[in-house]
């Protein structure tokens, strides 16, 4: 099982597109959840922050091993998600993986993560 929290910088001037992106994901949550199954993604959460005038998105995830990568998915929801990604995420900013120090998952929940 992989637990990650990664920070990505949003391209300047793309805040409104990020609003649209996050609204899209929330408005299509049923379809989004279907795609998580193939990725073996148990939890995926997006956080948003502005620091010193720069906007960042953070991805928190708990994922099983051997799942399909979202980048290779042909599901329409993933294709749209990746199109927003390419438009909004700054490729010149190296993503920052925060260090995992403790993982607290109740045993009855963890036993369902296969």
N, C-alpha and C. Protein backbone atom coordinates (compact mmCIF):
# COMPACT_ATOMS: atom_id res chain seq x y z
N UNK A 1 0.84 -1.17 0.00
CA UNK A 1 0.00 0.00 0.00
C UNK A 1 0.89 1.24 0.00
N UNK A 2 0.56 2.20 -0.85
CA UNK A 2 1.30 3.46 -0.93
C UNK A 2 0.44 4.59 -0.38
N UNK A 3 1.01 5.38 0.53
CA UNK A 3 0.35 6.56 1.06
C UNK A 3 1.20 7.75 0.64
N UNK A 4 0.59 8.70 -0.05
CA UNK A 4 1.35 9.83 -0.59
C UNK A 4 0.61 11.15 -0.38
N UNK A 5 1.41 12.20 -0.23
CA UNK A 5 0.92 13.57 -0.27
C UNK A 5 1.93 14.34 -1.12
N UNK A 6 1.46 14.84 -2.25
CA UNK A 6 2.35 15.50 -3.22
C UNK A 6 1.81 16.88 -3.56
N UNK A 7 2.72 17.85 -3.65
CA UNK A 7 2.36 19.23 -3.97
C UNK A 7 2.76 19.54 -5.42
N UNK A 8 1.81 20.15 -6.16
CA UNK A 8 2.02 20.58 -7.53
C UNK A 8 1.67 22.06 -7.63
N UNK A 9 2.46 22.80 -8.39
CA UNK A 9 2.15 24.22 -8.58
C UNK A 9 1.23 24.40 -9.78
N UNK A 10 0.27 25.28 -9.62
CA UNK A 10 -0.66 25.64 -10.69
C UNK A 10 -0.01 26.72 -11.56
N UNK A 11 -0.18 26.60 -12.86
CA UNK A 11 0.32 27.63 -13.77
C UNK A 11 -0.35 28.96 -13.46
N UNK A 12 0.42 30.04 -13.59
CA UNK A 12 -0.15 31.38 -13.39
C UNK A 12 -1.32 31.61 -14.33
N UNK A 13 -2.36 32.22 -13.80
CA UNK A 13 -3.53 32.57 -14.61
C UNK A 13 -4.51 31.42 -14.81
N UNK A 14 -4.30 30.29 -14.15
CA UNK A 14 -5.16 29.12 -14.37
C UNK A 14 -6.11 28.84 -13.20
N UNK A 15 -6.23 29.77 -12.26
CA UNK A 15 -7.09 29.53 -11.09
C UNK A 15 -8.55 29.27 -11.48
N UNK A 16 -9.06 30.01 -12.45
CA UNK A 16 -10.44 29.80 -12.86
C UNK A 16 -10.62 28.44 -13.52
N UNK A 17 -9.61 27.99 -14.25
CA UNK A 17 -9.68 26.66 -14.87
C UNK A 17 -9.61 25.58 -13.78
N UNK A 18 -8.81 25.83 -12.73
CA UNK A 18 -8.77 24.89 -11.60
C UNK A 18 -10.15 24.82 -10.94
N UNK A 19 -10.81 25.97 -10.78
CA UNK A 19 -12.18 25.98 -10.25
C UNK A 19 -13.07 25.07 -11.08
N UNK A 20 -12.98 25.22 -12.39
CA UNK A 20 -13.77 24.42 -13.33
C UNK A 20 -13.43 22.93 -13.19
N UNK A 21 -12.14 22.62 -13.10
CA UNK A 21 -11.65 21.25 -12.96
C UNK A 21 -12.23 20.58 -11.71
N UNK A 22 -12.10 21.27 -10.57
CA UNK A 22 -12.56 20.70 -9.31
C UNK A 22 -14.08 20.56 -9.30
N UNK A 23 -14.77 21.52 -9.90
CA UNK A 23 -16.23 21.41 -10.03
C UNK A 23 -16.58 20.22 -10.90
N UNK A 24 -15.85 20.04 -12.00
CA UNK A 24 -16.07 18.89 -12.88
C UNK A 24 -15.94 17.58 -12.11
N UNK A 25 -14.86 17.44 -11.34
CA UNK A 25 -14.65 16.20 -10.57
C UNK A 25 -15.78 15.98 -9.57
N UNK A 26 -16.15 17.03 -8.85
CA UNK A 26 -17.22 16.90 -7.87
C UNK A 26 -18.57 16.61 -8.52
N UNK A 27 -18.83 17.22 -9.67
CA UNK A 27 -20.11 17.02 -10.36
C UNK A 27 -20.22 15.63 -10.99
N UNK A 28 -19.08 14.97 -11.23
CA UNK A 28 -19.06 13.65 -11.86
C UNK A 28 -18.48 12.60 -10.92
N UNK A 29 -18.73 12.75 -9.63
CA UNK A 29 -18.09 11.89 -8.64
C UNK A 29 -18.42 10.41 -8.83
N UNK A 30 -19.64 10.08 -9.24
CA UNK A 30 -19.97 8.66 -9.47
C UNK A 30 -19.03 8.04 -10.50
N UNK A 31 -18.81 8.75 -11.61
CA UNK A 31 -17.92 8.24 -12.66
C UNK A 31 -16.47 8.22 -12.18
N UNK A 32 -16.07 9.23 -11.42
CA UNK A 32 -14.71 9.28 -10.88
C UNK A 32 -14.47 8.05 -10.00
N UNK A 33 -15.41 7.74 -9.14
CA UNK A 33 -15.24 6.61 -8.22
C UNK A 33 -15.12 5.29 -8.96
N UNK A 34 -15.79 5.17 -10.10
CA UNK A 34 -15.68 3.95 -10.91
C UNK A 34 -14.23 3.76 -11.38
N UNK A 35 -13.58 4.83 -11.77
CA UNK A 35 -12.21 4.70 -12.29
C UNK A 35 -11.19 4.38 -11.20
N UNK A 36 -11.51 4.73 -9.96
CA UNK A 36 -10.57 4.47 -8.87
C UNK A 36 -10.37 2.97 -8.64
N UNK A 37 -11.39 2.19 -8.93
CA UNK A 37 -11.30 0.73 -8.75
C UNK A 37 -10.12 0.13 -9.51
N UNK A 38 -10.01 0.46 -10.80
CA UNK A 38 -8.92 -0.08 -11.61
C UNK A 38 -7.55 0.42 -11.19
N UNK A 39 -7.52 1.59 -10.58
CA UNK A 39 -6.26 2.15 -10.10
C UNK A 39 -5.86 1.60 -8.73
N UNK A 40 -6.76 0.81 -8.13
CA UNK A 40 -6.59 0.35 -6.75
C UNK A 40 -6.38 1.53 -5.82
N UNK A 41 -7.12 2.61 -6.10
CA UNK A 41 -7.04 3.83 -5.32
C UNK A 41 -8.14 3.78 -4.26
N UNK A 42 -7.72 3.68 -3.00
CA UNK A 42 -8.68 3.59 -1.90
C UNK A 42 -9.16 4.97 -1.47
N UNK A 43 -8.24 5.92 -1.44
CA UNK A 43 -8.55 7.29 -1.03
C UNK A 43 -7.77 8.23 -1.94
N UNK A 44 -8.45 9.23 -2.47
CA UNK A 44 -7.76 10.28 -3.22
C UNK A 44 -8.45 11.59 -2.88
N UNK A 45 -7.67 12.52 -2.40
CA UNK A 45 -8.20 13.81 -1.96
C UNK A 45 -7.32 14.91 -2.53
N UNK A 46 -7.95 15.97 -3.02
CA UNK A 46 -7.20 17.11 -3.56
C UNK A 46 -7.40 18.30 -2.62
N UNK A 47 -6.29 18.89 -2.22
CA UNK A 47 -6.31 20.10 -1.39
C UNK A 47 -5.77 21.25 -2.23
N UNK A 48 -6.13 22.46 -1.85
CA UNK A 48 -5.73 23.65 -2.60
C UNK A 48 -5.20 24.70 -1.62
N UNK A 49 -4.12 25.39 -2.04
CA UNK A 49 -3.52 26.39 -1.17
C UNK A 49 -2.84 27.47 -2.02
N UNK A 50 -2.84 28.68 -1.49
CA UNK A 50 -2.07 29.77 -2.10
C UNK A 50 -1.03 30.20 -1.09
N UNK A 51 0.24 30.20 -1.52
CA UNK A 51 1.37 30.60 -0.69
C UNK A 51 2.21 31.62 -1.44
N UNK A 52 2.44 32.77 -0.83
CA UNK A 52 3.29 33.80 -1.44
C UNK A 52 2.89 34.09 -2.87
N UNK A 53 1.60 34.12 -3.14
CA UNK A 53 1.09 34.47 -4.46
C UNK A 53 1.05 33.34 -5.46
N UNK A 54 1.55 32.16 -5.09
CA UNK A 54 1.52 31.01 -5.99
C UNK A 54 0.45 30.03 -5.50
N UNK A 55 -0.25 29.43 -6.45
CA UNK A 55 -1.29 28.48 -6.10
C UNK A 55 -0.77 27.05 -6.25
N UNK A 56 -1.16 26.19 -5.32
CA UNK A 56 -0.72 24.80 -5.31
C UNK A 56 -1.92 23.87 -5.12
N UNK A 57 -1.81 22.71 -5.72
CA UNK A 57 -2.74 21.62 -5.46
C UNK A 57 -1.95 20.50 -4.82
N UNK A 58 -2.54 19.88 -3.82
CA UNK A 58 -1.93 18.77 -3.12
C UNK A 58 -2.80 17.53 -3.35
N UNK A 59 -2.17 16.42 -3.68
CA UNK A 59 -2.88 15.14 -3.84
C UNK A 59 -2.49 14.26 -2.67
N UNK A 60 -3.50 13.84 -1.90
CA UNK A 60 -3.31 12.85 -0.85
C UNK A 60 -3.94 11.56 -1.34
N UNK A 61 -3.21 10.46 -1.26
CA UNK A 61 -3.77 9.21 -1.74
C UNK A 61 -3.31 8.02 -0.92
N UNK A 62 -4.19 7.04 -0.87
CA UNK A 62 -3.88 5.73 -0.31
C UNK A 62 -4.23 4.75 -1.42
N UNK A 63 -3.21 4.04 -1.90
CA UNK A 63 -3.38 3.21 -3.10
C UNK A 63 -2.73 1.85 -2.91
N UNK A 64 -3.41 0.82 -3.39
CA UNK A 64 -2.85 -0.53 -3.40
C UNK A 64 -1.81 -0.64 -4.51
N UNK A 65 -1.06 -1.69 -4.51
CA UNK A 65 -0.04 -1.90 -5.53
C UNK A 65 -0.64 -2.59 -6.76
N UNK A 66 -0.06 -2.28 -7.90
CA UNK A 66 -0.44 -2.95 -9.14
C UNK A 66 -1.66 -2.38 -9.84
N UNK A 67 -2.09 -1.21 -9.46
CA UNK A 67 -3.24 -0.59 -10.12
C UNK A 67 -2.86 0.06 -11.43
N UNK A 68 -3.88 0.31 -12.25
CA UNK A 68 -3.67 0.99 -13.54
C UNK A 68 -3.33 2.46 -13.29
N UNK A 69 -2.39 2.99 -14.05
CA UNK A 69 -2.04 4.41 -13.94
C UNK A 69 -3.11 5.26 -14.62
N UNK A 70 -3.48 6.35 -13.98
CA UNK A 70 -4.50 7.23 -14.56
C UNK A 70 -4.09 7.72 -15.95
N UNK A 71 -2.78 7.89 -16.15
CA UNK A 71 -2.28 8.40 -17.43
C UNK A 71 -2.53 7.43 -18.58
N UNK A 72 -2.68 6.15 -18.30
CA UNK A 72 -2.91 5.18 -19.36
C UNK A 72 -4.38 4.80 -19.51
N UNK A 73 -5.23 5.36 -18.68
CA UNK A 73 -6.66 5.04 -18.74
C UNK A 73 -7.30 5.64 -19.99
N UNK A 74 -8.23 4.92 -20.57
CA UNK A 74 -8.98 5.42 -21.72
C UNK A 74 -10.41 5.79 -21.33
N UNK A 75 -10.72 5.75 -20.03
CA UNK A 75 -12.04 6.16 -19.56
C UNK A 75 -12.19 7.66 -19.79
N UNK A 76 -13.35 8.09 -20.28
CA UNK A 76 -13.54 9.49 -20.64
C UNK A 76 -13.30 10.44 -19.46
N UNK A 77 -13.64 10.01 -18.26
CA UNK A 77 -13.46 10.90 -17.10
C UNK A 77 -11.98 11.12 -16.82
N UNK A 78 -11.17 10.06 -16.98
CA UNK A 78 -9.73 10.20 -16.78
C UNK A 78 -9.08 11.03 -17.88
N UNK A 79 -9.56 10.86 -19.10
CA UNK A 79 -9.02 11.66 -20.21
C UNK A 79 -9.29 13.15 -19.98
N UNK A 80 -10.49 13.48 -19.51
CA UNK A 80 -10.84 14.88 -19.22
C UNK A 80 -10.00 15.38 -18.04
N UNK A 81 -9.86 14.55 -17.03
CA UNK A 81 -9.06 14.90 -15.85
C UNK A 81 -7.61 15.21 -16.26
N UNK A 82 -7.04 14.37 -17.13
CA UNK A 82 -5.67 14.59 -17.57
C UNK A 82 -5.54 15.82 -18.48
N UNK A 83 -6.58 16.13 -19.23
CA UNK A 83 -6.56 17.36 -20.04
C UNK A 83 -6.50 18.59 -19.13
N UNK A 84 -7.30 18.58 -18.07
CA UNK A 84 -7.23 19.68 -17.09
C UNK A 84 -5.83 19.72 -16.46
N UNK A 85 -5.30 18.56 -16.14
CA UNK A 85 -3.95 18.48 -15.54
C UNK A 85 -2.94 19.18 -16.44
N UNK A 86 -2.93 18.80 -17.71
CA UNK A 86 -1.95 19.39 -18.64
C UNK A 86 -2.15 20.90 -18.78
N UNK A 87 -3.38 21.36 -18.69
CA UNK A 87 -3.64 22.79 -18.82
C UNK A 87 -3.26 23.57 -17.56
N UNK A 88 -3.39 22.94 -16.40
CA UNK A 88 -3.26 23.68 -15.15
C UNK A 88 -1.98 23.46 -14.35
N UNK A 89 -1.39 22.29 -14.42
CA UNK A 89 -0.23 21.98 -13.57
C UNK A 89 1.05 22.42 -14.26
N UNK A 90 1.87 23.17 -13.53
CA UNK A 90 3.12 23.73 -14.05
C UNK A 90 4.19 22.64 -14.16
N UNK A 91 4.56 22.27 -15.40
CA UNK A 91 5.56 21.20 -15.56
C UNK A 91 6.98 21.65 -15.20
N UNK A 92 7.18 22.97 -15.07
CA UNK A 92 8.51 23.48 -14.72
C UNK A 92 8.78 23.45 -13.22
N UNK A 93 7.73 23.20 -12.42
CA UNK A 93 7.88 23.10 -10.97
C UNK A 93 7.98 21.64 -10.60
N UNK A 94 9.07 21.26 -9.98
CA UNK A 94 9.24 19.87 -9.58
C UNK A 94 8.27 19.54 -8.44
N UNK A 95 7.44 18.53 -8.65
CA UNK A 95 6.48 18.12 -7.63
C UNK A 95 7.22 17.77 -6.35
N UNK A 96 6.57 18.05 -5.23
CA UNK A 96 7.18 17.81 -3.93
C UNK A 96 6.39 16.70 -3.23
N UNK A 97 7.05 15.58 -2.96
CA UNK A 97 6.45 14.50 -2.19
C UNK A 97 6.78 14.74 -0.72
N UNK A 98 5.75 14.95 0.07
CA UNK A 98 5.97 15.13 1.49
C UNK A 98 6.29 13.79 2.13
N UNK A 99 7.04 13.83 3.19
CA UNK A 99 7.52 12.62 3.85
C UNK A 99 6.43 12.00 4.72
N UNK A 100 6.20 10.71 4.53
CA UNK A 100 5.24 9.98 5.37
C UNK A 100 5.93 9.60 6.67
N UNK A 101 5.35 10.01 7.78
CA UNK A 101 5.95 9.74 9.09
C UNK A 101 5.14 8.75 9.91
N UNK A 102 3.83 8.70 9.67
CA UNK A 102 2.98 7.75 10.40
C UNK A 102 1.72 7.52 9.56
N UNK A 103 1.29 6.28 9.49
CA UNK A 103 0.06 5.93 8.77
C UNK A 103 -0.87 5.29 9.79
N UNK A 104 -2.00 5.93 9.99
CA UNK A 104 -2.96 5.44 10.98
C UNK A 104 -4.25 5.05 10.27
N UNK A 105 -4.41 3.77 10.06
CA UNK A 105 -5.61 3.23 9.43
C UNK A 105 -6.12 2.12 10.33
N UNK A 106 -7.38 2.23 10.72
CA UNK A 106 -7.96 1.24 11.61
C UNK A 106 -7.83 -0.16 10.98
N UNK A 107 -7.54 -1.16 11.80
CA UNK A 107 -7.35 -2.52 11.27
C UNK A 107 -8.52 -3.03 10.42
N UNK A 108 -9.76 -2.74 10.82
CA UNK A 108 -10.90 -3.21 10.05
C UNK A 108 -11.00 -2.54 8.69
N UNK A 109 -10.48 -1.33 8.57
CA UNK A 109 -10.45 -0.64 7.28
C UNK A 109 -9.28 -1.17 6.46
N UNK A 110 -8.12 -1.28 7.07
CA UNK A 110 -6.92 -1.76 6.38
C UNK A 110 -7.15 -3.17 5.79
N UNK A 111 -7.89 -4.01 6.51
CA UNK A 111 -8.13 -5.38 6.04
C UNK A 111 -8.95 -5.41 4.75
N UNK A 112 -9.67 -4.34 4.45
CA UNK A 112 -10.45 -4.25 3.23
C UNK A 112 -9.64 -3.71 2.05
N UNK A 113 -8.45 -3.22 2.32
CA UNK A 113 -7.58 -2.65 1.29
C UNK A 113 -6.69 -3.74 0.74
N UNK A 114 -7.11 -4.34 -0.35
CA UNK A 114 -6.37 -5.48 -0.91
C UNK A 114 -5.83 -5.15 -2.26
